[in-house]
Amino acid sequence: MFLAMPFQNILVVMAEETWQTGESGVGILMAAGGIGGVIGALWIAKKGDNGGT
């Protein structure tokens, strides 16, 4: 949680000032980060143990 707060604050500022989106744009960007995390976790789980290397 400590490291996530700066990301969330910067994401809100970037969504409003860089891409001129409102609350829906912030929600889409946060959802994209969550979806990427789930996909990454599934990829690591599928990769499995490779013999310690």
PDB file of N, CA and C in Angstrom:
ATOM      1  N   MET A   1       0.822  -1.192   0.000  1.00  0.00           N
ATOM      2  CA  MET A   1       0.000   0.000   0.000  1.00  0.00           C
ATOM      3  C   MET A   1       0.866   1.255   0.000  1.00  0.00           C
ATOM      4  N   PHE A   2       2.012   1.188   0.666  1.00  0.00           N
ATOM      5  CA  PHE A   2       2.883   2.357   0.765  1.00  0.00           C
ATOM      6  C   PHE A   2       3.389   2.800  -0.603  1.00  0.00           C
ATOM      7  N   LEU A   3       3.715   1.842  -1.453  1.00  0.00           N
ATOM      8  CA  LEU A   3       4.247   2.182  -2.771  1.00  0.00           C
ATOM      9  C   LEU A   3       3.154   2.429  -3.806  1.00  0.00           C
ATOM     10  N   ALA A   4       1.931   2.015  -3.524  1.00  0.00           N
ATOM     11  CA  ALA A   4       0.846   2.167  -4.491  1.00  0.00           C
ATOM     12  C   ALA A   4       0.261   3.577  -4.491  1.00  0.00           C
ATOM     13  N   MET A   5       0.317   4.277  -3.385  1.00  0.00           N
ATOM     14  CA  MET A   5      -0.298   5.602  -3.314  1.00  0.00           C
ATOM     15  C   MET A   5       0.334   6.607  -4.281  1.00  0.00           C
ATOM     16  N   PRO A   6       1.662   6.711  -4.386  1.00  0.00           N
ATOM     17  CA  PRO A   6       2.211   7.651  -5.374  1.00  0.00           C
ATOM     18  C   PRO A   6       1.784   7.313  -6.803  1.00  0.00           C
ATOM     19  N   PHE A   7       1.695   6.021  -7.127  1.00  0.00           N
ATOM     20  CA  PHE A   7       1.249   5.609  -8.460  1.00  0.00           C
ATOM     21  C   PHE A   7      -0.174   6.079  -8.715  1.00  0.00           C
ATOM     22  N   GLN A   8      -1.047   5.908  -7.735  1.00  0.00           N
ATOM     23  CA  GLN A   8      -2.437   6.318  -7.909  1.00  0.00           C
ATOM     24  C   GLN A   8      -2.544   7.832  -8.056  1.00  0.00           C
ATOM     25  N   ASN A   9      -1.791   8.576  -7.275  1.00  0.00           N
ATOM     26  CA  ASN A   9      -1.840  10.033  -7.366  1.00  0.00           C
ATOM     27  C   ASN A   9      -1.317  10.527  -8.709  1.00  0.00           C
ATOM     28  N   ILE A  10      -0.217   9.971  -9.168  1.00  0.00           N
ATOM     29  CA  ILE A  10       0.344  10.377 -10.457  1.00  0.00           C
ATOM     30  C   ILE A  10      -0.588   9.987 -11.595  1.00  0.00           C
ATOM     31  N   LEU A  11      -1.240   8.830 -11.474  1.00  0.00           N
ATOM     32  CA  LEU A  11      -2.155   8.373 -12.512  1.00  0.00           C
ATOM     33  C   LEU A  11      -3.336   9.327 -12.664  1.00  0.00           C
ATOM     34  N   VAL A  12      -3.852   9.827 -11.550  1.00  0.00           N
ATOM     35  CA  VAL A  12      -4.970  10.773 -11.599  1.00  0.00           C
ATOM     36  C   VAL A  12      -4.534  12.060 -12.295  1.00  0.00           C
ATOM     37  N   VAL A  13      -3.375  12.573 -11.942  1.00  0.00           N
ATOM     38  CA  VAL A  13      -2.884  13.812 -12.551  1.00  0.00           C
ATOM     39  C   VAL A  13      -2.633  13.613 -14.041  1.00  0.00           C
ATOM     40  N   MET A  14      -2.014  12.499 -14.404  1.00  0.00           N
ATOM     41  CA  MET A  14      -1.743  12.241 -15.823  1.00  0.00           C
ATOM     42  C   MET A  14      -3.030  12.088 -16.618  1.00  0.00           C
ATOM     43  N   ALA A  15      -4.012  11.414 -16.049  1.00  0.00           N
ATOM     44  CA  ALA A  15      -5.272  11.221 -16.765  1.00  0.00           C
ATOM     45  C   ALA A  15      -5.974  12.548 -17.006  1.00  0.00           C
ATOM     46  N   GLU A  16      -5.923  13.431 -16.024  1.00  0.00           N
ATOM     47  CA  GLU A  16      -6.632  14.701 -16.164  1.00  0.00           C
ATOM     48  C   GLU A  16      -5.865  15.713 -17.012  1.00  0.00           C
ATOM     49  N   GLU A  17      -4.554  15.802 -16.827  1.00  0.00           N
ATOM     50  CA  GLU A  17      -3.792  16.847 -17.511  1.00  0.00           C
ATOM     51  C   GLU A  17      -3.224  16.408 -18.857  1.00  0.00           C
ATOM     52  N   THR A  18      -2.778  15.172 -18.963  1.00  0.00           N
ATOM     53  CA  THR A  18      -2.153  14.723 -20.207  1.00  0.00           C
ATOM     54  C   THR A  18      -3.189  14.258 -21.216  1.00  0.00           C
ATOM     55  N   TRP A  19      -4.119  13.417 -20.758  1.00  0.00           N
ATOM     56  CA  TRP A  19      -5.092  12.829 -21.675  1.00  0.00           C
ATOM     57  C   TRP A  19      -6.460  13.492 -21.601  1.00  0.00           C
ATOM     58  N   GLN A  20      -6.633  14.506 -20.766  1.00  0.00           N
ATOM     59  CA  GLN A  20      -7.890  15.252 -20.612  1.00  0.00           C
ATOM     60  C   GLN A  20      -9.102  14.337 -20.431  1.00  0.00           C
ATOM     61  N   THR A  21      -8.949  13.330 -19.587  1.00  0.00           N
ATOM     62  CA  THR A  21     -10.075  12.459 -19.270  1.00  0.00           C
ATOM     63  C   THR A  21     -10.534  12.741 -17.852  1.00  0.00           C
ATOM     64  N   GLY A  22     -11.719  12.323 -17.549  1.00  0.00           N
ATOM     65  CA  GLY A  22     -12.261  12.514 -16.217  1.00  0.00           C
ATOM     66  C   GLY A  22     -12.121  11.267 -15.375  1.00  0.00           C
ATOM     67  N   GLU A  23     -13.148  11.050 -14.563  1.00  0.00           N
ATOM     68  CA  GLU A  23     -13.138   9.905 -13.663  1.00  0.00           C
ATOM     69  C   GLU A  23     -13.138   8.586 -14.416  1.00  0.00           C
ATOM     70  N   SER A  24     -13.824   8.539 -15.536  1.00  0.00           N
ATOM     71  CA  SER A  24     -13.873   7.289 -16.299  1.00  0.00           C
ATOM     72  C   SER A  24     -12.499   6.934 -16.861  1.00  0.00           C
ATOM     73  N   GLY A  25     -11.727   7.920 -17.274  1.00  0.00           N
ATOM     74  CA  GLY A  25     -10.376   7.662 -17.762  1.00  0.00           C
ATOM     75  C   GLY A  25      -9.465   7.132 -16.670  1.00  0.00           C
ATOM     76  N   VAL A  26      -9.604   7.679 -15.463  1.00  0.00           N
ATOM     77  CA  VAL A  26      -8.811   7.190 -14.334  1.00  0.00           C
ATOM     78  C   VAL A  26      -9.186   5.749 -14.028  1.00  0.00           C
ATOM     79  N   GLY A  27     -10.467   5.448 -14.075  1.00  0.00           N
ATOM     80  CA  GLY A  27     -10.917   4.078 -13.824  1.00  0.00           C
ATOM     81  C   GLY A  27     -10.392   3.097 -14.855  1.00  0.00           C
ATOM     82  N   ILE A  28     -10.389   3.508 -16.104  1.00  0.00           N
ATOM     83  CA  ILE A  28      -9.877   2.631 -17.166  1.00  0.00           C
ATOM     84  C   ILE A  28      -8.383   2.394 -16.985  1.00  0.00           C
ATOM     85  N   LEU A  29      -7.625   3.436 -16.649  1.00  0.00           N
ATOM     86  CA  LEU A  29      -6.188   3.273 -16.452  1.00  0.00           C
ATOM     87  C   LEU A  29      -5.877   2.380 -15.257  1.00  0.00           C
ATOM     88  N   MET A  30      -6.635   2.527 -14.167  1.00  0.00           N
ATOM     89  CA  MET A  30      -6.411   1.666 -13.001  1.00  0.00           C
ATOM     90  C   MET A  30      -6.814   0.229 -13.305  1.00  0.00           C
ATOM     91  N   ALA A  31      -7.886   0.054 -14.065  1.00  0.00           N
ATOM     92  CA  ALA A  31      -8.296  -1.298 -14.449  1.00  0.00           C
ATOM     93  C   ALA A  31      -7.247  -1.946 -15.344  1.00  0.00           C
ATOM     94  N   ALA A  32      -6.641  -1.165 -16.230  1.00  0.00           N
ATOM     95  CA  ALA A  32      -5.598  -1.712 -17.102  1.00  0.00           C
ATOM     96  C   ALA A  32      -4.412  -2.208 -16.282  1.00  0.00           C
ATOM     97  N   GLY A  33      -4.054  -1.478 -15.234  1.00  0.00           N
ATOM     98  CA  GLY A  33      -2.980  -1.929 -14.357  1.00  0.00           C
ATOM     99  C   GLY A  33      -3.333  -3.213 -13.632  1.00  0.00           C
ATOM    100  N   GLY A  34      -4.580  -3.321 -13.184  1.00  0.00           N
ATOM    101  CA  GLY A  34      -5.022  -4.544 -12.513  1.00  0.00           C
ATOM    102  C   GLY A  34      -5.067  -5.735 -13.450  1.00  0.00           C
ATOM    103  N   ILE A  35      -5.548  -5.508 -14.656  1.00  0.00           N
ATOM    104  CA  ILE A  35      -5.607  -6.595 -15.646  1.00  0.00           C
ATOM    105  C   ILE A  35      -4.195  -7.054 -15.998  1.00  0.00           C
ATOM    106  N   GLY A  36      -3.278  -6.114 -16.134  1.00  0.00           N
ATOM    107  CA  GLY A  36      -1.888  -6.474 -16.407  1.00  0.00           C
ATOM    108  C   GLY A  36      -1.275  -7.285 -15.283  1.00  0.00           C
ATOM    109  N   GLY A  37      -1.625  -6.951 -14.043  1.00  0.00           N
ATOM    110  CA  GLY A  37      -1.130  -7.717 -12.907  1.00  0.00           C
ATOM    111  C   GLY A  37      -1.644  -9.139 -12.897  1.00  0.00           C
ATOM    112  N   VAL A  38      -2.918  -9.308 -13.215  1.00  0.00           N
ATOM    113  CA  VAL A  38      -3.502 -10.653 -13.258  1.00  0.00           C
ATOM    114  C   VAL A  38      -2.879 -11.469 -14.392  1.00  0.00           C
ATOM    115  N   ILE A  39      -2.734 -10.861 -15.554  1.00  0.00           N
ATOM    116  CA  ILE A  39      -2.128 -11.575 -16.686  1.00  0.00           C
ATOM    117  C   ILE A  39      -0.688 -11.965 -16.358  1.00  0.00           C
ATOM    118  N   GLY A  40       0.053 -11.065 -15.731  1.00  0.00           N
ATOM    119  CA  GLY A  40       1.422 -11.386 -15.341  1.00  0.00           C
ATOM    120  C   GLY A  40       1.488 -12.517 -14.332  1.00  0.00           C
ATOM    121  N   ALA A  41       0.577 -12.514 -13.360  1.00  0.00           N
ATOM    122  CA  ALA A  41       0.556 -13.587 -12.363  1.00  0.00           C
ATOM    123  C   ALA A  41       0.205 -14.925 -13.002  1.00  0.00           C
ATOM    124  N   LEU A  42      -0.745 -14.922 -13.921  1.00  0.00           N
ATOM    125  CA  LEU A  42      -1.104 -16.163 -14.610  1.00  0.00           C
ATOM    126  C   LEU A  42       0.048 -16.669 -15.474  1.00  0.00           C
ATOM    127  N   TRP A  43       0.772 -15.763 -16.114  1.00  0.00           N
ATOM    128  CA  TRP A  43       1.906 -16.163 -16.943  1.00  0.00           C
ATOM    129  C   TRP A  43       3.009 -16.790 -16.090  1.00  0.00           C
ATOM    130  N   ILE A  44       3.293 -16.181 -14.940  1.00  0.00           N
ATOM    131  CA  ILE A  44       4.316 -16.734 -14.040  1.00  0.00           C
ATOM    132  C   ILE A  44       3.873 -18.092 -13.513  1.00  0.00           C
ATOM    133  N   ALA A  45       2.594 -18.230 -13.165  1.00  0.00           N
ATOM    134  CA  ALA A  45       2.094 -19.514 -12.664  1.00  0.00           C
ATOM    135  C   ALA A  45       2.159 -20.588 -13.748  1.00  0.00           C
ATOM    136  N   LYS A  46       1.856 -20.216 -14.983  1.00  0.00           N
ATOM    137  CA  LYS A  46       1.900 -21.181 -16.085  1.00  0.00           C
ATOM    138  C   LYS A  46       3.334 -21.589 -16.401  1.00  0.00           C
ATOM    139  N   LYS A  47       4.253 -20.656 -16.261  1.00  0.00           N
ATOM    140  CA  LYS A  47       5.655 -20.942 -16.548  1.00  0.00           C
ATOM    141  C   LYS A  47       6.179 -22.032 -15.615  1.00  0.00           C
ATOM    142  N   GLY A  48       5.781 -21.986 -14.361  1.00  0.00           N
ATOM    143  CA  GLY A  48       6.130 -23.038 -13.412  1.00  0.00           C
ATOM    144  C   GLY A  48       7.592 -23.066 -13.026  1.00  0.00           C
ATOM    145  N   ASP A  49       7.976 -24.151 -12.378  1.00  0.00           N
ATOM    146  CA  ASP A  49       9.345 -24.327 -11.909  1.00  0.00           C
ATOM    147  C   ASP A  49      10.208 -24.840 -13.057  1.00  0.00           C
ATOM    148  N   ASN A  50      11.327 -24.169 -13.263  1.00  0.00           N
ATOM    149  CA  ASN A  50      12.203 -24.569 -14.363  1.00  0.00           C
ATOM    150  C   ASN A  50      13.504 -25.199 -13.859  1.00  0.00           C
ATOM    151  N   GLY A  51      13.465 -25.842 -12.738  1.00  0.00           N
ATOM    152  CA  GLY A  51      14.638 -26.541 -12.232  1.00  0.00           C
ATOM    153  C   GLY A  51      15.601 -25.677 -11.443  1.00  0.00           C
ATOM    154  N   GLY A  52      15.160 -24.525 -10.987  1.00  0.00           N
ATOM    155  CA  GLY A  52      16.007 -23.681 -10.161  1.00  0.00           C
ATOM    156  C   GLY A  52      16.928 -22.742 -10.910  1.00  0.00           C
ATOM    157  N   THR A  53      16.748 -22.612 -12.204  1.00  0.00           N
ATOM    158  CA  THR A  53      17.592 -21.685 -12.958  1.00  0.00           C
ATOM    159  C   THR A  53      16.811 -20.479 -13.379  1.00  0.00           C
TER     160      THR A  53
END
